[in-house]
Amino acid sequence: MILLKSRQRVFIACLVFGVVCLLCRLTIWDDASGSIPGRWTPIFRSLTFRERVASIRAADRYKHSKSLGVFSRIYVVSLPSRIDRRERMQELAEALGIDVEYWNATDKNSPLVADLMERRRQRIQLDTSTLQDLDKARNSTRKSNAIWPSDVLANQDNPLASPLGLKFADLWELSPSAPHSSALIEPLPLSLAPDNRPAIPCAGPDDGLYAPQTPQEVQDLPPWRILSPGMLACWHSHVGLLRRFTESHDDAILILEDDVDVEFDIETRLHRVWTFLPKDWDAVYLGHCWSAEQTHPSFPEAPAIRPSYTPKCTHAYAVSRRGAYRLIRHLRAPAFAYSRALDQAYVYLIQRKRIKAFSFYPSIAIQTKDLSSDIFPGNGSSWRDLLADSTMERIQLVQEHGSA
């Protein structure tokens, strides 16, 4: 009996010693496993610890939304004929788990665009006369304000106070056969065939009204400074979408063009900064090109975003309701309407504090530049940008693995 009890004590002692040795071994640095001294190895760590770390910030705890959580609706501006681009955007939407609505873009070869070009040519003649009169009077204040009608100036501080109505360049779309069109807008001259008139230059980056240029000066301008049907079609497409937005009950929309790629965690990135935007924001650029968006300091609480500087390109930007009202009023001002590329018009308004805009830096949405452009020759401009975690690259990897 005594011998049996002795053996039991020895067995229990050995068992306890073995457990202690095992626990000590698990706390020792192991080069093979990469464990940290003094920490339990993953086999003993709670499986929910990573989940707790991954959800520690408020932005991590938002439920996924098919409109990315901060927008009422997501639109894609796209020509109905560009099936290749729409298929690509549908893949992107499915990968992100979002809903998008397609806004039919204006075709640059449409008769409407030709009429808008003619309206712009008419306006240049009026602007030239106005500038000459103001130069004679040497009135620089009136010269700088001559571009904006009272509709813009009276509603700048509270853009939602008055309905937009149809005014100014809105009426340029009226058909000659429309009722009362002759009383609302000047008739267009008969079209010329062939039309040998000189090209129409874009207004300069610092010009509100058109600054007269000689034929030689116009001829020496680079192609991007010549007003093209593609530029007018782009302008008309976006203004039409902004108008649609103002007629809805939506609070904010995201406008994408049909050649974009975005960060795969774009929803989280948006949530991290959105609460730090001022309540009176007008536009937020998720992407930009040919810009210097690092110029202004970022928000201390949200270093990914900062006040906009010169955010060119319109492939990915958000607009608030008040921002849409402000933009429409400025973009339809007769002296300003269709005077340059749309992104240059936005930059003009931003730099003169006519709208309050903010930019992500670096961009979280970029142009893919791998399909033919509807505005510029080839695949568009030479600007290229990169993403940290491209959604389109992830899609390509899934497709490659699926076909392997």
Protein backbone atom coordinates (compact mmCIF):
# COMPACT_ATOMS: atom_id res chain seq x y z
CA MET A 1 0.00 0.00 0.00
CA ILE A 2 2.79 2.38 0.95
CA LEU A 3 4.66 1.51 -2.24
CA LEU A 4 1.53 2.18 -4.35
CA LYS A 5 0.98 5.61 -2.83
CA SER A 6 4.64 6.42 -3.37
CA ARG A 7 4.34 5.52 -7.04
CA GLN A 8 1.24 7.69 -7.38
CA ARG A 9 3.07 10.65 -5.88
CA VAL A 10 6.00 10.14 -8.29
CA PHE A 11 3.60 9.94 -11.25
CA ILE A 12 1.75 13.12 -10.28
CA ALA A 13 5.03 14.94 -9.70
CA CYS A 14 6.33 13.90 -13.13
CA LEU A 15 3.06 14.96 -14.75
CA VAL A 16 3.19 18.40 -13.13
CA PHE A 17 6.86 18.79 -14.07
CA GLY A 18 6.10 17.88 -17.67
CA VAL A 19 3.28 20.42 -17.93
CA VAL A 20 5.48 23.14 -16.44
CA CYS A 21 8.27 22.34 -18.91
CA LEU A 22 5.83 22.44 -21.80
CA LEU A 23 4.49 25.82 -20.77
CA CYS A 24 8.00 27.18 -20.32
CA ARG A 25 8.97 25.86 -23.74
CA LEU A 26 6.04 27.68 -25.34
CA THR A 27 7.16 31.02 -23.89
CA ILE A 28 10.72 30.74 -25.16
CA TRP A 29 11.67 32.44 -28.42
CA ASP A 30 11.42 29.97 -31.25
CA ASP A 31 13.17 31.04 -34.44
CA ALA A 32 11.21 28.58 -36.48
CA SER A 33 7.78 29.78 -35.38
CA GLY A 34 8.59 33.47 -34.93
CA SER A 35 6.97 33.54 -31.48
CA ILE A 36 7.66 36.55 -29.27
CA PRO A 37 9.36 35.99 -25.84
CA GLY A 38 6.91 36.08 -22.97
CA ARG A 39 3.84 35.65 -25.28
CA TRP A 40 1.69 32.63 -25.87
CA THR A 41 2.05 31.13 -29.30
CA PRO A 42 -0.95 31.45 -31.63
CA ILE A 43 -2.32 28.06 -30.54
CA PHE A 44 -3.07 29.52 -27.09
CA ARG A 45 -4.10 33.00 -28.26
CA SER A 46 -7.79 33.91 -28.45
CA LEU A 47 -9.12 33.60 -32.00
CA THR A 48 -11.15 36.82 -31.54
CA PHE A 49 -8.15 39.01 -30.72
CA ARG A 50 -7.50 39.95 -34.35
CA GLU A 51 -11.18 40.67 -34.81
CA ARG A 52 -11.04 43.04 -31.85
CA VAL A 53 -7.98 44.80 -33.29
CA ALA A 54 -9.61 45.02 -36.72
CA SER A 55 -12.71 46.70 -35.30
CA ILE A 56 -11.17 49.03 -32.72
CA ARG A 57 -11.82 52.18 -34.81
CA ALA A 58 -15.30 53.52 -35.42
CA ALA A 59 -14.73 53.38 -39.18
CA ASP A 60 -14.06 49.63 -38.88
CA ARG A 61 -17.48 48.90 -37.41
CA TYR A 62 -19.67 50.26 -40.22
CA LYS A 63 -21.72 47.64 -41.99
CA HIS A 64 -21.05 47.32 -45.68
CA SER A 65 -23.29 49.48 -47.83
CA LYS A 66 -24.01 49.10 -51.53
CA SER A 67 -23.51 52.88 -51.84
CA LEU A 68 -20.23 52.86 -49.85
CA GLY A 69 -21.90 54.18 -46.72
CA VAL A 70 -21.53 57.92 -47.30
CA PHE A 71 -23.37 58.41 -50.61
CA SER A 72 -27.04 58.24 -51.50
CA ARG A 73 -26.23 56.94 -54.97
CA ILE A 74 -23.28 56.07 -57.22
CA TYR A 75 -23.40 57.06 -60.90
CA VAL A 76 -21.19 56.03 -63.79
CA VAL A 77 -21.05 58.46 -66.72
CA SER A 78 -20.77 56.33 -69.83
CA LEU A 79 -21.74 56.27 -73.49
CA PRO A 80 -24.33 53.55 -74.15
CA SER A 81 -22.20 52.38 -77.08
CA ARG A 82 -19.17 51.64 -74.89
CA ILE A 83 -20.17 48.14 -73.89
CA ASP A 84 -16.52 47.29 -73.18
CA ARG A 85 -16.27 50.02 -70.57
CA ARG A 86 -19.62 49.18 -68.98
CA GLU A 87 -18.67 45.52 -68.66
CA ARG A 88 -15.47 46.57 -66.92
CA MET A 89 -17.35 48.85 -64.53
CA GLN A 90 -19.87 46.10 -63.78
CA GLU A 91 -16.99 43.83 -62.75
CA LEU A 92 -15.67 46.56 -60.49
CA ALA A 93 -19.09 47.08 -58.91
CA GLU A 94 -19.56 43.37 -58.27
CA ALA A 95 -16.09 43.05 -56.76
CA LEU A 96 -16.84 45.90 -54.36
CA GLY A 97 -20.40 44.76 -53.69
CA ILE A 98 -21.91 48.10 -54.71
CA ASP A 99 -24.77 49.28 -56.89
CA VAL A 100 -24.09 51.74 -59.70
CA GLU A 101 -26.45 53.57 -62.04
CA TYR A 102 -25.33 54.44 -65.55
CA TRP A 103 -25.82 57.99 -66.75
CA ASN A 104 -25.83 58.10 -70.54
CA ALA A 105 -23.08 60.45 -71.65
CA THR A 106 -23.53 62.88 -74.51
CA ASP A 107 -22.02 61.81 -77.83
CA LYS A 108 -19.45 64.31 -79.11
CA ASN A 109 -20.79 63.79 -82.64
CA SER A 110 -24.36 64.71 -81.76
CA PRO A 111 -26.05 67.78 -83.32
CA LEU A 112 -26.52 69.18 -79.82
CA VAL A 113 -22.75 69.42 -79.32
CA ALA A 114 -22.40 71.22 -82.66
CA ASP A 115 -25.05 73.71 -81.50
CA LEU A 116 -23.26 74.23 -78.19
CA MET A 117 -20.04 74.95 -80.05
CA GLU A 118 -21.87 77.57 -82.11
CA ARG A 119 -23.35 79.11 -78.96
CA ARG A 120 -19.86 79.38 -77.54
CA ARG A 121 -18.63 81.09 -80.69
CA GLN A 122 -21.47 83.61 -80.37
CA ARG A 123 -20.58 84.23 -76.75
CA ILE A 124 -16.93 84.92 -77.53
CA GLN A 125 -17.98 87.89 -79.65
CA LEU A 126 -19.98 89.32 -76.75
CA ASP A 127 -17.18 88.70 -74.26
CA THR A 128 -14.65 90.42 -76.49
CA SER A 129 -16.84 93.52 -76.69
CA THR A 130 -17.41 93.48 -72.90
CA LEU A 131 -13.70 93.21 -72.16
CA GLN A 132 -12.89 96.08 -74.49
CA ASP A 133 -15.47 98.30 -72.74
CA LEU A 134 -14.16 97.37 -69.28
CA ASP A 135 -10.56 97.92 -70.35
CA LYS A 136 -11.45 101.39 -71.53
CA ALA A 137 -13.09 102.10 -68.17
CA ARG A 138 -10.09 100.56 -66.36
CA ASN A 139 -12.51 98.95 -63.93
CA SER A 140 -10.79 95.76 -62.76
CA THR A 141 -13.47 94.98 -60.13
CA ARG A 142 -16.28 95.04 -62.67
CA LYS A 143 -14.08 93.06 -65.04
CA SER A 144 -13.58 90.26 -62.50
CA ASN A 145 -17.29 90.16 -61.60
CA ALA A 146 -18.63 90.49 -65.15
CA ILE A 147 -18.53 86.73 -65.57
CA TRP A 148 -21.18 85.98 -62.92
CA PRO A 149 -24.86 86.91 -63.31
CA SER A 150 -26.97 87.97 -60.33
CA ASP A 151 -28.34 84.42 -60.04
CA VAL A 152 -24.85 83.27 -58.98
CA LEU A 153 -23.98 86.19 -56.73
CA ALA A 154 -27.30 86.29 -54.88
CA ASN A 155 -27.28 82.56 -54.05
CA GLN A 156 -23.60 82.02 -53.26
CA ASP A 157 -23.91 81.93 -49.47
CA ASN A 158 -27.11 79.88 -49.39
CA PRO A 159 -27.32 77.96 -52.66
CA LEU A 160 -30.36 75.95 -51.59
CA ALA A 161 -32.51 78.98 -50.77
CA SER A 162 -33.86 79.47 -54.31
CA PRO A 163 -34.89 76.94 -56.96
CA LEU A 164 -32.59 76.62 -59.93
CA GLY A 165 -35.13 76.96 -62.71
CA LEU A 166 -33.96 77.05 -66.33
CA LYS A 167 -31.75 80.01 -67.14
CA PHE A 168 -28.84 81.18 -69.26
CA ALA A 169 -26.92 78.31 -70.86
CA ASP A 170 -29.65 75.88 -69.80
CA LEU A 171 -31.62 77.41 -72.65
CA TRP A 172 -28.89 76.71 -75.21
CA GLU A 173 -30.34 73.22 -75.55
CA LEU A 174 -33.74 74.47 -76.69
CA SER A 175 -34.72 73.29 -80.12
CA PRO A 176 -35.67 76.06 -82.59
CA SER A 177 -39.05 74.36 -82.83
CA ALA A 178 -39.64 74.58 -79.07
CA PRO A 179 -42.40 76.99 -77.97
CA HIS A 180 -41.17 80.53 -77.30
CA SER A 181 -37.57 79.55 -78.14
CA SER A 182 -37.07 82.63 -80.31
CA ALA A 183 -38.09 84.84 -77.39
CA LEU A 184 -35.75 83.08 -74.96
CA ILE A 185 -32.61 82.69 -77.01
CA GLU A 186 -30.99 84.07 -80.14
CA PRO A 187 -31.34 81.88 -83.23
CA LEU A 188 -28.27 80.09 -84.48
CA PRO A 189 -26.82 81.00 -87.89
CA LEU A 190 -27.08 78.52 -90.72
CA SER A 191 -24.36 75.87 -90.62
CA LEU A 192 -21.45 76.28 -93.00
CA ALA A 193 -20.25 73.53 -95.31
CA PRO A 194 -17.35 73.40 -95.35
CA ASP A 195 -16.68 75.35 -92.17
CA ASN A 196 -13.32 77.06 -92.63
CA ARG A 197 -13.56 79.30 -89.59
CA PRO A 198 -10.63 79.17 -87.11
CA ALA A 199 -10.79 76.82 -84.14
CA ILE A 200 -12.21 78.09 -80.86
CA PRO A 201 -9.58 78.31 -78.11
CA CYS A 202 -10.40 77.42 -74.52
CA ALA A 203 -10.48 80.26 -72.06
CA GLY A 204 -7.14 80.49 -70.27
CA PRO A 205 -6.65 79.08 -66.76
CA ASP A 206 -6.84 82.58 -65.29
CA ASP A 207 -9.49 83.94 -67.64
CA GLY A 208 -13.12 84.27 -66.70
CA LEU A 209 -14.19 86.08 -69.83
CA TYR A 210 -12.65 85.13 -73.13
CA ALA A 211 -9.41 86.98 -73.77
CA PRO A 212 -9.06 87.84 -77.49
CA GLN A 213 -6.30 86.03 -79.38
CA THR A 214 -4.93 86.49 -82.87
CA PRO A 215 -5.25 83.66 -85.43
CA GLN A 216 -1.52 82.98 -85.06
CA GLU A 217 -1.80 82.76 -81.28
CA VAL A 218 -4.65 80.29 -81.64
CA GLN A 219 -2.68 78.24 -84.16
CA ASP A 220 0.26 78.01 -81.75
CA LEU A 221 -1.85 76.66 -78.88
CA PRO A 222 -1.37 73.01 -77.79
CA PRO A 223 -4.26 70.66 -78.64
CA TRP A 224 -5.60 70.64 -75.08
CA ARG A 225 -6.14 74.39 -75.29
CA ILE A 226 -8.46 74.09 -78.31
CA LEU A 227 -12.13 73.67 -77.49
CA SER A 228 -13.16 70.28 -78.85
CA PRO A 229 -16.52 68.52 -79.27
CA GLY A 230 -15.33 65.95 -76.73
CA MET A 231 -14.83 68.66 -74.11
CA LEU A 232 -18.32 70.06 -74.69
CA ALA A 233 -19.84 66.57 -74.59
CA CYS A 234 -18.13 65.86 -71.26
CA TRP A 235 -19.34 69.19 -69.83
CA HIS A 236 -22.90 68.55 -70.97
CA SER A 237 -22.88 64.99 -69.59
CA HIS A 238 -21.82 66.03 -66.10
CA VAL A 239 -24.11 69.06 -65.93
CA GLY A 240 -27.04 66.88 -66.94
CA LEU A 241 -26.23 64.46 -64.13
CA LEU A 242 -25.88 67.29 -61.60
CA ARG A 243 -29.29 68.56 -62.70
CA ARG A 244 -30.76 65.07 -62.21
CA PHE A 245 -29.26 65.01 -58.72
CA THR A 246 -30.87 68.31 -57.73
CA GLU A 247 -34.26 66.98 -58.82
CA SER A 248 -33.95 63.97 -56.51
CA HIS A 249 -34.10 63.63 -52.72
CA ASP A 250 -30.49 62.43 -52.47
CA ASP A 251 -28.02 64.12 -50.12
CA ALA A 252 -24.71 63.26 -51.79
CA ILE A 253 -23.67 61.30 -54.86
CA LEU A 254 -20.48 59.81 -56.21
CA ILE A 255 -19.77 60.46 -59.90
CA LEU A 256 -17.47 58.00 -61.64
CA GLU A 257 -16.41 57.91 -65.25
CA ASP A 258 -16.28 54.51 -66.92
CA ASP A 259 -12.51 54.02 -66.90
CA VAL A 260 -11.68 53.91 -63.19
CA ASP A 261 -10.01 51.59 -60.72
CA VAL A 262 -10.26 52.09 -56.95
CA GLU A 263 -8.65 50.96 -53.73
CA PHE A 264 -10.26 47.71 -52.62
CA ASP A 265 -10.84 49.10 -49.11
CA ILE A 266 -12.35 52.32 -50.46
CA GLU A 267 -15.37 52.06 -48.17
CA THR A 268 -13.22 52.01 -45.03
CA ARG A 269 -11.09 54.88 -46.32
CA LEU A 270 -14.20 56.98 -46.92
CA HIS A 271 -15.58 56.33 -43.45
CA ARG A 272 -12.27 57.31 -41.85
CA VAL A 273 -12.42 60.85 -43.22
CA TRP A 274 -16.07 61.64 -43.87
CA THR A 275 -17.00 62.80 -40.38
CA PHE A 276 -14.17 65.34 -40.45
CA LEU A 277 -15.46 67.16 -43.53
CA PRO A 278 -17.12 70.52 -42.85
CA LYS A 279 -20.89 70.48 -43.15
CA ASP A 280 -20.80 72.94 -46.05
CA TRP A 281 -18.54 70.88 -48.33
CA ASP A 282 -19.37 71.03 -52.03
CA ALA A 283 -17.12 68.46 -53.70
CA VAL A 284 -14.65 65.75 -52.71
CA TYR A 285 -12.13 64.39 -55.22
CA LEU A 286 -11.40 60.70 -54.76
CA GLY A 287 -8.95 60.96 -57.65
CA HIS A 288 -7.21 63.62 -59.73
CA CYS A 289 -4.50 64.05 -62.34
CA TRP A 290 -1.91 66.64 -63.36
CA SER A 291 -2.43 68.13 -59.92
CA ALA A 292 -0.55 69.33 -56.85
CA GLU A 293 -2.96 68.15 -54.17
CA GLN A 294 -0.19 67.81 -51.61
CA THR A 295 0.06 71.62 -51.50
CA HIS A 296 -2.40 72.28 -48.67
CA PRO A 297 -1.92 70.61 -45.26
CA SER A 298 -4.07 67.60 -44.48
CA PHE A 299 -6.59 67.37 -41.66
CA PRO A 300 -4.85 66.40 -38.39
CA GLU A 301 -7.59 63.86 -37.64
CA ALA A 302 -7.78 62.57 -41.22
CA PRO A 303 -4.40 62.82 -42.97
CA ALA A 304 -5.74 61.19 -46.15
CA ILE A 305 -7.73 64.30 -47.10
CA ARG A 306 -7.04 68.02 -47.47
CA PRO A 307 -8.44 71.17 -49.13
CA SER A 308 -8.22 70.93 -52.91
CA TYR A 309 -5.63 72.92 -54.85
CA THR A 310 -5.78 72.14 -58.58
CA PRO A 311 -7.55 68.76 -58.90
CA LYS A 312 -7.79 68.13 -62.61
CA CYS A 313 -9.76 65.27 -64.20
CA THR A 314 -13.33 64.32 -63.34
CA HIS A 315 -13.12 60.54 -63.17
CA ALA A 316 -14.10 60.23 -59.49
CA TYR A 317 -15.62 62.97 -57.36
CA ALA A 318 -18.42 63.31 -54.83
CA VAL A 319 -20.89 66.17 -54.80
CA SER A 320 -23.16 67.36 -52.01
CA ARG A 321 -26.62 68.73 -52.68
CA ARG A 322 -25.52 72.31 -52.01
CA GLY A 323 -22.45 71.69 -54.14
CA ALA A 324 -24.58 70.62 -57.09
CA TYR A 325 -26.65 73.80 -56.84
CA ARG A 326 -23.50 75.92 -56.71
CA LEU A 327 -21.89 74.13 -59.63
CA ILE A 328 -24.93 74.34 -61.89
CA ARG A 329 -25.35 78.08 -61.29
CA HIS A 330 -21.70 78.73 -62.15
CA LEU A 331 -21.50 76.32 -65.07
CA ARG A 332 -24.54 77.80 -66.82
CA ALA A 333 -23.35 81.41 -66.52
CA PRO A 334 -23.30 82.57 -70.18
CA ALA A 335 -19.74 83.89 -70.11
CA PHE A 336 -18.43 80.73 -68.41
CA ALA A 337 -20.53 77.95 -69.93
CA TYR A 338 -18.63 75.55 -72.21
CA SER A 339 -15.60 77.85 -72.18
CA ARG A 340 -12.96 75.18 -71.42
CA ALA A 341 -12.61 71.57 -70.33
CA LEU A 342 -14.88 70.79 -67.38
CA ASP A 343 -12.05 69.93 -65.00
CA GLN A 344 -10.40 73.28 -65.78
CA ALA A 345 -13.70 75.00 -64.99
CA TYR A 346 -13.83 73.24 -61.63
CA VAL A 347 -10.26 74.28 -60.85
CA TYR A 348 -11.11 77.89 -61.74
CA LEU A 349 -14.00 77.82 -59.25
CA ILE A 350 -11.94 76.11 -56.53
CA GLN A 351 -9.03 78.50 -56.71
CA ARG A 352 -11.36 81.50 -56.49
CA LYS A 353 -13.23 79.92 -53.55
CA ARG A 354 -16.48 79.78 -55.47
CA ILE A 355 -16.90 76.17 -54.32
CA LYS A 356 -15.48 74.36 -51.28
CA ALA A 357 -13.66 71.22 -52.41
CA PHE A 358 -11.42 68.61 -50.78
CA SER A 359 -9.10 65.97 -52.22
CA PHE A 360 -7.83 62.58 -51.19
CA TYR A 361 -4.05 62.45 -51.41
CA PRO A 362 -2.86 60.06 -52.63
CA SER A 363 -5.79 59.28 -54.91
CA ILE A 364 -8.00 56.35 -53.99
CA ALA A 365 -9.50 56.21 -57.50
CA ILE A 366 -7.48 56.38 -60.72
CA GLN A 367 -8.01 56.17 -64.48
CA THR A 368 -7.07 52.81 -65.97
CA LYS A 369 -5.95 54.21 -69.35
CA ASP A 370 -6.19 50.78 -71.01
CA LEU A 371 -9.21 51.39 -73.23
CA SER A 372 -9.63 53.89 -76.05
CA SER A 373 -10.72 57.38 -74.99
CA ASP A 374 -13.89 59.09 -76.25
CA ILE A 375 -12.39 62.56 -75.83
CA PHE A 376 -8.66 62.37 -76.60
CA PRO A 377 -6.70 60.37 -79.18
CA GLY A 378 -5.59 56.89 -78.15
CA ASN A 379 -6.13 55.98 -74.50
CA GLY A 380 -6.11 59.57 -73.28
CA SER A 381 -3.42 61.71 -71.71
CA SER A 382 -0.05 60.38 -70.58
CA TRP A 383 -0.84 60.79 -66.88
CA ARG A 384 -0.54 57.53 -64.93
CA ASP A 385 -1.20 56.81 -61.26
CA LEU A 386 -0.98 53.81 -58.93
CA LEU A 387 -3.07 52.30 -56.16
CA ALA A 388 -1.89 50.48 -53.04
CA ASP A 389 -4.46 47.68 -53.45
CA SER A 390 -6.07 47.79 -56.88
CA THR A 391 -9.53 46.27 -57.19
CA MET A 392 -8.98 45.58 -60.89
CA GLU A 393 -5.73 43.73 -60.13
CA ARG A 394 -7.61 41.56 -57.64
CA ILE A 395 -10.25 40.82 -60.28
CA GLN A 396 -7.54 39.83 -62.76
CA LEU A 397 -5.92 37.49 -60.21
CA VAL A 398 -9.25 35.79 -59.53
CA GLN A 399 -9.82 35.33 -63.25
CA GLU A 400 -6.31 33.91 -63.73
CA HIS A 401 -6.73 31.45 -60.86
CA GLY A 402 -10.14 30.44 -62.13
CA SER A 403 -8.76 29.57 -65.56
CA ALA A 404 -5.68 27.77 -64.23
